[in-house]
Amino acid sequence: MLGPLLQGRVAMVTGAAAEQGIGCAIATLFAAHGAAVAVVDIDADRAADIARRLGTAHAGYGGDITRAADCERLASQVRDELGPPQVLVNNAGIAARRAFLDIDPAEFERMLQVNVQGSFLMTRAVLPLMLEQGRGNLVFISSTAGQRGGGVFGSSHYVASKAGMTGFAQAIAREFAPRGIRSNVVTPNLIKTDSVREMTPEQRSAIEKGVPLQRSGTIWDVAGAALFLASDLSSYVTGATVDVNGGFHIR
């Protein structure tokens, strides 16, 4: 019988302070499976509150993932307080729905800055700590939109950022696999988060009709995929993309 899948490991999860968000669900599931979780968010108070709810083995940290200095500080703090991380989940990100001709250059740049550069900077800060241990797991929370040129949040700048995140994760997988690092991607579609709850029932129903499983996903569906990729259950998996979309996009 399987025991806790992350016992004795330290896991950093970014964008994890929204109570009904994917990051918080991942942090909660990882904690339930024995990990010491670093709850990372731009809102330090909310991150600390989520960590307190998880228990005394966990800690919350505030920082802006678009700033290299913040990412380096976060990695050092987690190493000093919880131990060197073996798992990093790059979950923090932003989304928007906007027609291409309505997107100005600053908005396009901001989308890539958070979703792509933020993942790059966090990975760059944490990866050396993993290399020192000879092992590490990187999990990137991307989107079906980046695979098919659109989705629930199908704006071109969002699509570009999520496709870029997936490509970056695959490049890391190829380069660092010989050194014990695995890097994988989770691509959700319609997930019941706060942004989806803002849709009208009619809007959500119309989207769900195009999903073979005939429902929206939950934050726990995504968290389960992240747990698989972060654990030894996926020890021979790297450079992979795990689709969590109810069959909406089948490759």
Protein backbone atom coordinates (compact mmCIF):
# COMPACT_ATOMS: atom_id res chain seq x y z
CA MET A 1 0.00 0.00 0.00
CA LEU A 2 1.34 3.43 -0.93
CA GLY A 3 2.14 5.86 1.85
CA PRO A 4 2.62 9.63 1.62
CA LEU A 5 4.13 10.37 -1.77
CA LEU A 6 6.22 13.40 -0.78
CA GLN A 7 7.34 12.47 2.72
CA GLY A 8 10.48 14.34 3.77
CA ARG A 9 10.55 16.65 0.76
CA VAL A 10 10.39 20.41 0.52
CA ALA A 11 8.07 21.84 -2.13
CA MET A 12 7.69 25.44 -3.28
CA VAL A 13 4.36 26.39 -4.87
CA THR A 14 3.97 29.84 -6.41
CA GLY A 15 0.69 31.69 -6.66
CA ALA A 16 -0.67 29.57 -3.83
CA ALA A 17 -2.55 32.02 -1.61
CA ALA A 18 -5.93 32.15 -3.38
CA GLU A 19 -8.16 29.93 -1.28
CA GLN A 20 -10.15 28.58 -4.22
CA GLY A 21 -7.18 28.54 -6.59
CA ILE A 22 -5.12 25.80 -8.17
CA GLY A 23 -1.95 26.74 -6.28
CA CYS A 24 -3.63 26.49 -2.89
CA ALA A 25 -5.06 23.08 -3.79
CA ILE A 26 -1.61 21.87 -4.85
CA ALA A 27 -0.05 23.14 -1.63
CA THR A 28 -2.77 21.46 0.43
CA LEU A 29 -2.45 18.10 -1.35
CA PHE A 30 1.35 18.17 -1.16
CA ALA A 31 1.16 18.87 2.59
CA ALA A 32 -1.26 15.95 3.01
CA HIS A 33 1.34 13.74 1.32
CA GLY A 34 4.13 14.68 3.72
CA ALA A 35 5.88 17.60 2.03
CA ALA A 36 7.01 20.69 3.88
CA VAL A 37 5.36 23.32 1.71
CA ALA A 38 6.57 26.83 0.99
CA VAL A 39 3.45 28.79 0.06
CA VAL A 40 4.68 31.57 -2.23
CA ASP A 41 2.55 34.51 -3.33
CA ILE A 42 2.79 38.21 -4.06
CA ASP A 43 0.46 38.67 -1.07
CA ALA A 44 2.68 37.76 1.89
CA ASP A 45 -0.10 37.93 4.49
CA ARG A 46 -2.37 35.56 2.61
CA ALA A 47 0.54 33.20 1.94
CA ALA A 48 1.33 33.12 5.66
CA ASP A 49 -2.33 32.48 6.48
CA ILE A 50 -2.57 29.52 4.08
CA ALA A 51 0.66 28.07 5.50
CA ARG A 52 -0.67 28.38 9.07
CA ARG A 53 -3.76 26.43 8.07
CA LEU A 54 -1.60 23.68 6.60
CA GLY A 55 0.29 23.23 9.87
CA THR A 56 3.54 24.03 11.64
CA ALA A 57 5.76 22.23 9.11
CA HIS A 58 4.91 24.79 6.43
CA ALA A 59 5.67 28.47 5.82
CA GLY A 60 4.37 31.35 3.74
CA TYR A 61 6.54 33.73 1.73
CA GLY A 62 5.79 36.95 -0.12
CA GLY A 63 7.54 37.95 -3.31
CA ASP A 64 7.15 39.15 -6.88
CA ILE A 65 8.19 36.41 -9.32
CA THR A 66 8.89 38.98 -12.03
CA ARG A 67 11.80 40.35 -9.98
CA ALA A 68 15.01 38.34 -10.02
CA ALA A 69 16.05 39.61 -6.57
CA ASP A 70 12.77 38.45 -5.04
CA CYS A 71 13.13 34.99 -6.58
CA GLU A 72 16.69 34.62 -5.29
CA ARG A 73 15.57 35.75 -1.83
CA LEU A 74 12.66 33.31 -1.82
CA ALA A 75 14.90 30.39 -2.76
CA SER A 76 17.40 31.30 -0.02
CA GLN A 77 14.70 31.77 2.62
CA VAL A 78 13.11 28.42 1.88
CA ARG A 79 16.50 26.68 1.92
CA ASP A 80 17.40 28.25 5.27
CA GLU A 81 14.01 27.75 6.97
CA LEU A 82 12.53 24.55 5.51
CA GLY A 83 15.50 23.00 3.74
CA PRO A 84 16.62 22.88 0.11
CA PRO A 85 13.60 22.31 -2.15
CA GLN A 86 13.22 19.16 -4.20
CA VAL A 87 10.00 20.34 -5.88
CA LEU A 88 9.03 23.64 -7.52
CA VAL A 89 5.56 24.23 -8.92
CA ASN A 90 5.45 27.26 -11.22
CA ASN A 91 1.78 28.07 -10.87
CA ALA A 92 1.64 31.86 -10.46
CA GLY A 93 0.23 33.61 -13.49
CA ILE A 94 -2.32 35.99 -14.92
CA ALA A 95 -5.03 35.61 -17.55
CA ALA A 96 -7.15 37.91 -19.70
CA ARG A 97 -9.78 37.75 -22.41
CA ARG A 98 -9.22 40.41 -25.04
CA ALA A 99 -9.37 40.68 -28.82
CA PHE A 100 -5.96 40.87 -30.49
CA LEU A 101 -6.40 44.41 -31.85
CA ASP A 102 -7.37 45.62 -28.36
CA ILE A 103 -4.12 44.40 -26.78
CA ASP A 104 -1.52 47.13 -26.42
CA PRO A 105 2.22 46.34 -26.32
CA ALA A 106 2.48 47.00 -22.58
CA GLU A 107 -0.29 44.49 -21.83
CA PHE A 108 1.33 41.88 -24.07
CA GLU A 109 4.67 42.44 -22.35
CA ARG A 110 3.12 42.16 -18.89
CA MET A 111 1.45 38.84 -19.75
CA LEU A 112 4.76 37.32 -20.86
CA GLN A 113 6.61 38.92 -17.97
CA VAL A 114 4.45 37.17 -15.37
CA ASN A 115 3.69 33.86 -17.07
CA VAL A 116 6.99 33.17 -18.85
CA GLN A 117 9.67 35.32 -17.28
CA GLY A 118 8.29 34.66 -13.79
CA SER A 119 8.65 30.91 -14.32
CA PHE A 120 12.12 31.45 -15.78
CA LEU A 121 13.29 33.53 -12.80
CA MET A 122 11.89 31.15 -10.18
CA THR A 123 13.41 28.15 -11.96
CA ARG A 124 16.73 29.96 -12.29
CA ALA A 125 16.75 30.68 -8.54
CA VAL A 126 15.74 27.20 -7.36
CA LEU A 127 17.43 24.92 -9.90
CA PRO A 128 20.97 25.31 -8.46
CA LEU A 129 19.67 24.09 -5.08
CA MET A 130 18.24 21.01 -6.79
CA LEU A 131 21.45 20.37 -8.72
CA GLU A 132 23.39 20.38 -5.44
CA GLN A 133 21.16 17.51 -4.30
CA GLY A 134 21.37 15.65 -7.60
CA ARG A 135 17.59 15.57 -7.99
CA GLY A 136 14.57 17.81 -8.41
CA ASN A 137 11.12 18.05 -9.93
CA LEU A 138 9.75 21.08 -11.76
CA VAL A 139 6.03 21.27 -12.49
CA PHE A 140 4.64 24.03 -14.71
CA ILE A 141 0.93 24.85 -14.68
CA SER A 142 0.21 25.91 -18.26
CA SER A 143 -3.08 25.77 -20.19
CA THR A 144 -4.90 24.02 -22.99
CA ALA A 145 -5.04 27.45 -24.63
CA GLY A 146 -1.32 27.23 -25.34
CA GLN A 147 -1.84 23.94 -27.19
CA ARG A 148 -4.74 24.86 -29.46
CA GLY A 149 -4.46 28.60 -30.00
CA GLY A 150 -7.22 29.42 -27.57
CA GLY A 151 -9.50 28.09 -24.88
CA VAL A 152 -11.55 29.52 -22.04
CA PHE A 153 -9.04 32.36 -21.83
CA GLY A 154 -8.09 32.44 -25.48
CA SER A 155 -6.54 35.88 -25.93
CA SER A 156 -3.45 35.80 -28.11
CA HIS A 157 -1.11 37.20 -25.46
CA TYR A 158 -2.29 34.58 -22.95
CA VAL A 159 -1.94 31.82 -25.56
CA ALA A 160 1.59 32.98 -26.40
CA SER A 161 2.60 33.04 -22.74
CA LYS A 162 1.32 29.54 -22.01
CA ALA A 163 2.86 28.07 -25.15
CA GLY A 164 6.11 29.73 -24.15
CA MET A 165 5.91 28.26 -20.66
CA THR A 166 5.41 24.77 -22.08
CA GLY A 167 8.35 25.12 -24.47
CA PHE A 168 10.56 26.41 -21.68
CA ALA A 169 9.65 23.46 -19.44
CA GLN A 170 10.50 21.02 -22.23
CA ALA A 171 13.86 22.70 -22.85
CA ILE A 172 14.72 22.42 -19.15
CA ALA A 173 13.71 18.75 -19.22
CA ARG A 174 16.05 17.99 -22.10
CA GLU A 175 19.01 19.96 -20.75
CA PHE A 176 18.92 18.83 -17.13
CA ALA A 177 17.64 15.24 -17.25
CA PRO A 178 21.23 13.87 -17.14
CA ARG A 179 21.68 15.73 -13.85
CA GLY A 180 18.64 14.25 -12.10
CA ILE A 181 16.13 17.01 -12.83
CA ARG A 182 12.66 16.29 -14.20
CA SER A 183 10.49 19.00 -15.74
CA ASN A 184 6.86 18.49 -16.73
CA VAL A 185 3.73 20.46 -17.57
CA VAL A 186 0.08 20.30 -16.55
CA THR A 187 -2.40 21.82 -19.02
CA PRO A 188 -5.85 22.48 -17.52
CA ASN A 189 -8.88 23.70 -19.43
CA LEU A 190 -12.06 24.90 -17.71
CA ILE A 191 -11.35 24.69 -13.97
CA LYS A 192 -13.69 25.95 -11.24
CA THR A 193 -11.59 28.83 -9.94
CA ASP A 194 -12.75 32.34 -9.03
CA SER A 195 -12.32 33.56 -12.61
CA VAL A 196 -14.52 30.78 -13.98
CA ARG A 197 -17.11 31.34 -11.26
CA GLU A 198 -17.50 34.89 -12.57
CA MET A 199 -18.97 33.46 -15.80
CA THR A 200 -22.71 33.27 -16.16
CA PRO A 201 -24.24 29.78 -15.90
CA GLU A 202 -25.07 30.03 -19.60
CA GLN A 203 -21.46 30.79 -20.54
CA ARG A 204 -20.12 27.91 -18.50
CA SER A 205 -22.76 25.50 -19.78
CA ALA A 206 -21.91 26.37 -23.38
CA ILE A 207 -18.24 25.55 -22.78
CA GLU A 208 -19.01 22.35 -20.85
CA LYS A 209 -21.06 21.04 -23.77
CA GLY A 210 -17.81 20.88 -25.76
CA VAL A 211 -16.10 18.81 -23.05
CA PRO A 212 -16.55 15.04 -23.54
CA LEU A 213 -16.72 14.47 -19.77
CA GLN A 214 -19.54 17.06 -19.70
CA ARG A 215 -18.27 19.03 -16.71
CA SER A 216 -15.79 21.60 -15.55
CA GLY A 217 -12.64 20.43 -13.84
CA THR A 218 -11.90 21.12 -10.20
CA ILE A 219 -8.77 22.50 -8.59
CA TRP A 220 -8.23 19.03 -7.12
CA ASP A 221 -8.13 17.48 -10.59
CA VAL A 222 -5.15 19.71 -11.36
CA ALA A 223 -3.56 19.17 -7.95
CA GLY A 224 -3.70 15.39 -8.45
CA ALA A 225 -1.81 15.66 -11.72
CA ALA A 226 0.79 17.90 -10.08
CA LEU A 227 1.22 15.41 -7.24
CA PHE A 228 1.84 12.60 -9.72
CA LEU A 229 4.51 14.62 -11.52
CA ALA A 230 6.17 15.77 -8.29
CA SER A 231 6.38 12.26 -6.84
CA ASP A 232 8.36 9.14 -7.65
CA LEU A 233 5.27 7.66 -9.30
CA SER A 234 6.46 9.58 -12.37
CA SER A 235 10.18 8.85 -11.98
CA TYR A 236 10.55 7.98 -15.70
CA VAL A 237 8.51 10.96 -16.90
CA THR A 238 10.14 14.20 -18.04
CA GLY A 239 9.37 16.69 -20.77
CA ALA A 240 5.76 15.49 -20.69
CA THR A 241 2.50 17.38 -20.81
CA VAL A 242 -0.38 16.02 -18.73
CA ASP A 243 -3.71 17.23 -20.09
CA VAL A 244 -6.39 17.92 -17.47
CA ASN A 245 -9.21 18.98 -19.76
CA GLY A 246 -11.97 16.36 -19.68
CA GLY A 247 -11.21 15.38 -23.26
CA PHE A 248 -11.65 18.92 -24.61
CA HIS A 249 -8.32 18.67 -26.42
CA ILE A 250 -7.25 15.14 -27.38
CA ARG A 251 -3.89 14.63 -29.07
